[in-house]
Amino acid sequence: MKKIGIINSELPRLISELGHTDTIVIADSGLPIPSDVKRIDPALNKGVPGFIETLETNLEEMQVEQFIVAEEMKEVSVELFRETKQTLQGVPIRIMNHEQFKQLTHQAKAIIRTGEFTPYANIILQAGVTF
């Protein structure tokens, strides 16, 4: 049994396979997931797991050089936007409208669907390098 880090078997494998500039998405429970993108679905119930806790857990193992959120998150889910920026403090942010965001999800290596019910609780993480 794994002693530390993410115990979900798919997430560490996904993160270890990422190359520089590859992307993954952490999504709320309502974001449409393209059929050609791998779905990792730890969602159990409304709010479980939550968006921020899933983001924080992934950041324990993933090097991120940039993140992308929808403009609507900033406008509609103000507190979540603030928490997201705080969690990724120092990492450059890109903001675009939700339709553009959804188009970018087609390029992701995987989408991790959470149980989050907060509107626009979605983020694209772009992999960086550790050297």
Protein backbone atom coordinates (compact mmCIF):
# COMPACT_ATOMS: atom_id res chain seq x y z
CA MET A 1 0.00 0.00 0.00
CA LYS A 2 1.23 3.48 -0.87
CA LYS A 3 2.38 5.29 2.25
CA ILE A 4 2.28 8.97 1.21
CA GLY A 5 0.82 11.19 -1.48
CA ILE A 6 -2.19 10.53 -3.67
CA ILE A 7 -3.61 7.05 -3.11
CA ASN A 8 -5.95 7.12 -6.13
CA SER A 9 -4.10 4.89 -8.61
CA GLU A 10 -4.92 6.90 -11.74
CA LEU A 11 -3.84 10.37 -10.57
CA PRO A 12 -0.17 9.67 -9.79
CA ARG A 13 0.14 7.74 -13.05
CA LEU A 14 -1.35 10.66 -14.97
CA ILE A 15 0.92 13.20 -13.29
CA SER A 16 4.03 11.05 -13.84
CA GLU A 17 3.22 10.78 -17.56
CA LEU A 18 2.86 14.55 -18.10
CA GLY A 19 5.43 16.35 -20.19
CA HIS A 20 6.24 20.04 -20.22
CA THR A 21 3.15 22.08 -21.27
CA ASP A 22 0.76 19.10 -21.13
CA THR A 23 -2.52 19.99 -19.42
CA ILE A 24 -5.02 18.43 -17.07
CA VAL A 25 -8.38 19.78 -15.97
CA ILE A 26 -9.92 19.73 -12.52
CA ALA A 27 -13.64 20.15 -13.07
CA ASP A 28 -16.84 20.69 -11.17
CA SER A 29 -19.55 18.08 -11.46
CA GLY A 30 -21.22 19.78 -14.43
CA LEU A 31 -18.41 20.51 -16.90
CA PRO A 32 -18.95 18.57 -20.13
CA ILE A 33 -16.15 16.05 -20.67
CA PRO A 34 -15.20 15.41 -24.29
CA SER A 35 -15.54 11.74 -25.20
CA ASP A 36 -11.96 11.60 -26.50
CA VAL A 37 -10.40 12.88 -23.24
CA LYS A 38 -9.63 10.51 -20.35
CA ARG A 39 -12.04 10.92 -17.44
CA ILE A 40 -10.87 10.38 -13.88
CA ASP A 41 -13.91 10.47 -11.66
CA PRO A 42 -13.35 10.52 -7.90
CA ALA A 43 -16.72 12.30 -7.40
CA LEU A 44 -18.72 10.58 -4.67
CA ASN A 45 -21.44 12.99 -3.68
CA LYS A 46 -22.34 16.67 -3.80
CA GLY A 47 -19.18 18.47 -2.68
CA VAL A 48 -17.09 15.31 -2.26
CA PRO A 49 -14.33 15.68 -3.14
CA GLY A 50 -14.33 19.45 -3.33
CA PHE A 51 -12.57 21.54 -5.96
CA ILE A 52 -9.97 23.16 -3.69
CA GLU A 53 -9.10 19.94 -1.87
CA THR A 54 -8.65 18.16 -5.22
CA LEU A 55 -6.49 21.02 -6.50
CA GLU A 56 -4.33 21.04 -3.36
CA THR A 57 -3.88 17.27 -3.49
CA ASN A 58 -2.76 17.36 -7.13
CA LEU A 59 -0.35 20.20 -6.41
CA GLU A 60 1.47 17.97 -3.92
CA GLU A 61 2.77 15.95 -6.88
CA MET A 62 2.39 18.16 -9.97
CA GLN A 63 4.67 21.00 -11.06
CA VAL A 64 2.46 23.74 -12.56
CA GLU A 65 3.81 26.57 -14.69
CA GLN A 66 0.49 28.22 -15.57
CA PHE A 67 -3.20 27.83 -14.84
CA ILE A 68 -6.30 28.82 -16.75
CA VAL A 69 -9.76 29.65 -15.43
CA ALA A 70 -12.91 31.06 -16.97
CA GLU A 71 -13.74 34.73 -16.58
CA GLU A 72 -17.10 33.62 -15.22
CA MET A 73 -15.37 32.04 -12.21
CA LYS A 74 -13.92 35.44 -11.34
CA GLU A 75 -17.34 37.10 -11.71
CA VAL A 76 -19.77 34.47 -10.34
CA SER A 77 -17.72 32.44 -7.84
CA VAL A 78 -15.66 35.27 -6.35
CA GLU A 79 -14.60 33.45 -3.18
CA LEU A 80 -13.57 30.32 -5.07
CA PHE A 81 -11.55 32.45 -7.50
CA ARG A 82 -9.77 34.08 -4.54
CA GLU A 83 -9.04 30.69 -2.94
CA THR A 84 -7.77 29.31 -6.24
CA LYS A 85 -5.38 32.22 -6.75
CA GLN A 86 -4.18 31.88 -3.16
CA THR A 87 -3.61 28.13 -3.56
CA LEU A 88 -1.57 28.75 -6.73
CA GLN A 89 0.16 31.86 -5.40
CA GLY A 90 3.05 32.88 -7.66
CA VAL A 91 1.87 30.79 -10.63
CA PRO A 92 0.87 32.82 -13.71
CA ILE A 93 -2.85 32.87 -14.49
CA ARG A 94 -4.66 33.07 -17.80
CA ILE A 95 -8.33 34.04 -17.91
CA MET A 96 -10.69 33.42 -20.82
CA ASN A 97 -14.42 33.08 -21.35
CA HIS A 98 -16.08 29.79 -20.45
CA GLU A 99 -16.71 28.76 -24.07
CA GLN A 100 -12.99 29.16 -24.92
CA PHE A 101 -12.14 27.27 -21.73
CA LYS A 102 -14.36 24.35 -22.74
CA GLN A 103 -12.66 24.21 -26.15
CA LEU A 104 -9.24 23.93 -24.46
CA THR A 105 -10.42 20.92 -22.45
CA HIS A 106 -10.33 18.91 -25.69
CA GLN A 107 -6.51 19.13 -25.59
CA ALA A 108 -6.16 17.93 -21.99
CA LYS A 109 -4.53 14.61 -21.12
CA ALA A 110 -7.34 14.02 -18.63
CA ILE A 111 -10.22 15.67 -16.81
CA ILE A 112 -10.63 15.01 -13.11
CA ARG A 113 -14.31 15.40 -12.20
CA THR A 114 -14.93 16.42 -8.61
CA GLY A 115 -18.16 16.53 -6.65
CA GLU A 116 -17.99 20.34 -6.60
CA PHE A 117 -21.32 22.14 -7.13
CA THR A 118 -19.96 25.71 -7.20
CA PRO A 119 -20.50 27.33 -10.62
CA TYR A 120 -17.40 27.56 -12.85
CA ALA A 121 -15.22 25.56 -10.43
CA ASN A 122 -12.94 24.45 -13.25
CA ILE A 123 -9.23 24.89 -13.86
CA ILE A 124 -6.71 23.87 -16.48
CA LEU A 125 -3.26 23.14 -15.05
CA GLN A 126 -0.31 23.33 -17.44
CA ALA A 127 2.60 21.13 -16.45
CA GLY A 128 5.95 22.73 -15.80
CA VAL A 129 9.36 21.22 -15.23
CA THR A 130 11.26 20.86 -11.97
CA PHE A 131 14.64 21.75 -13.40
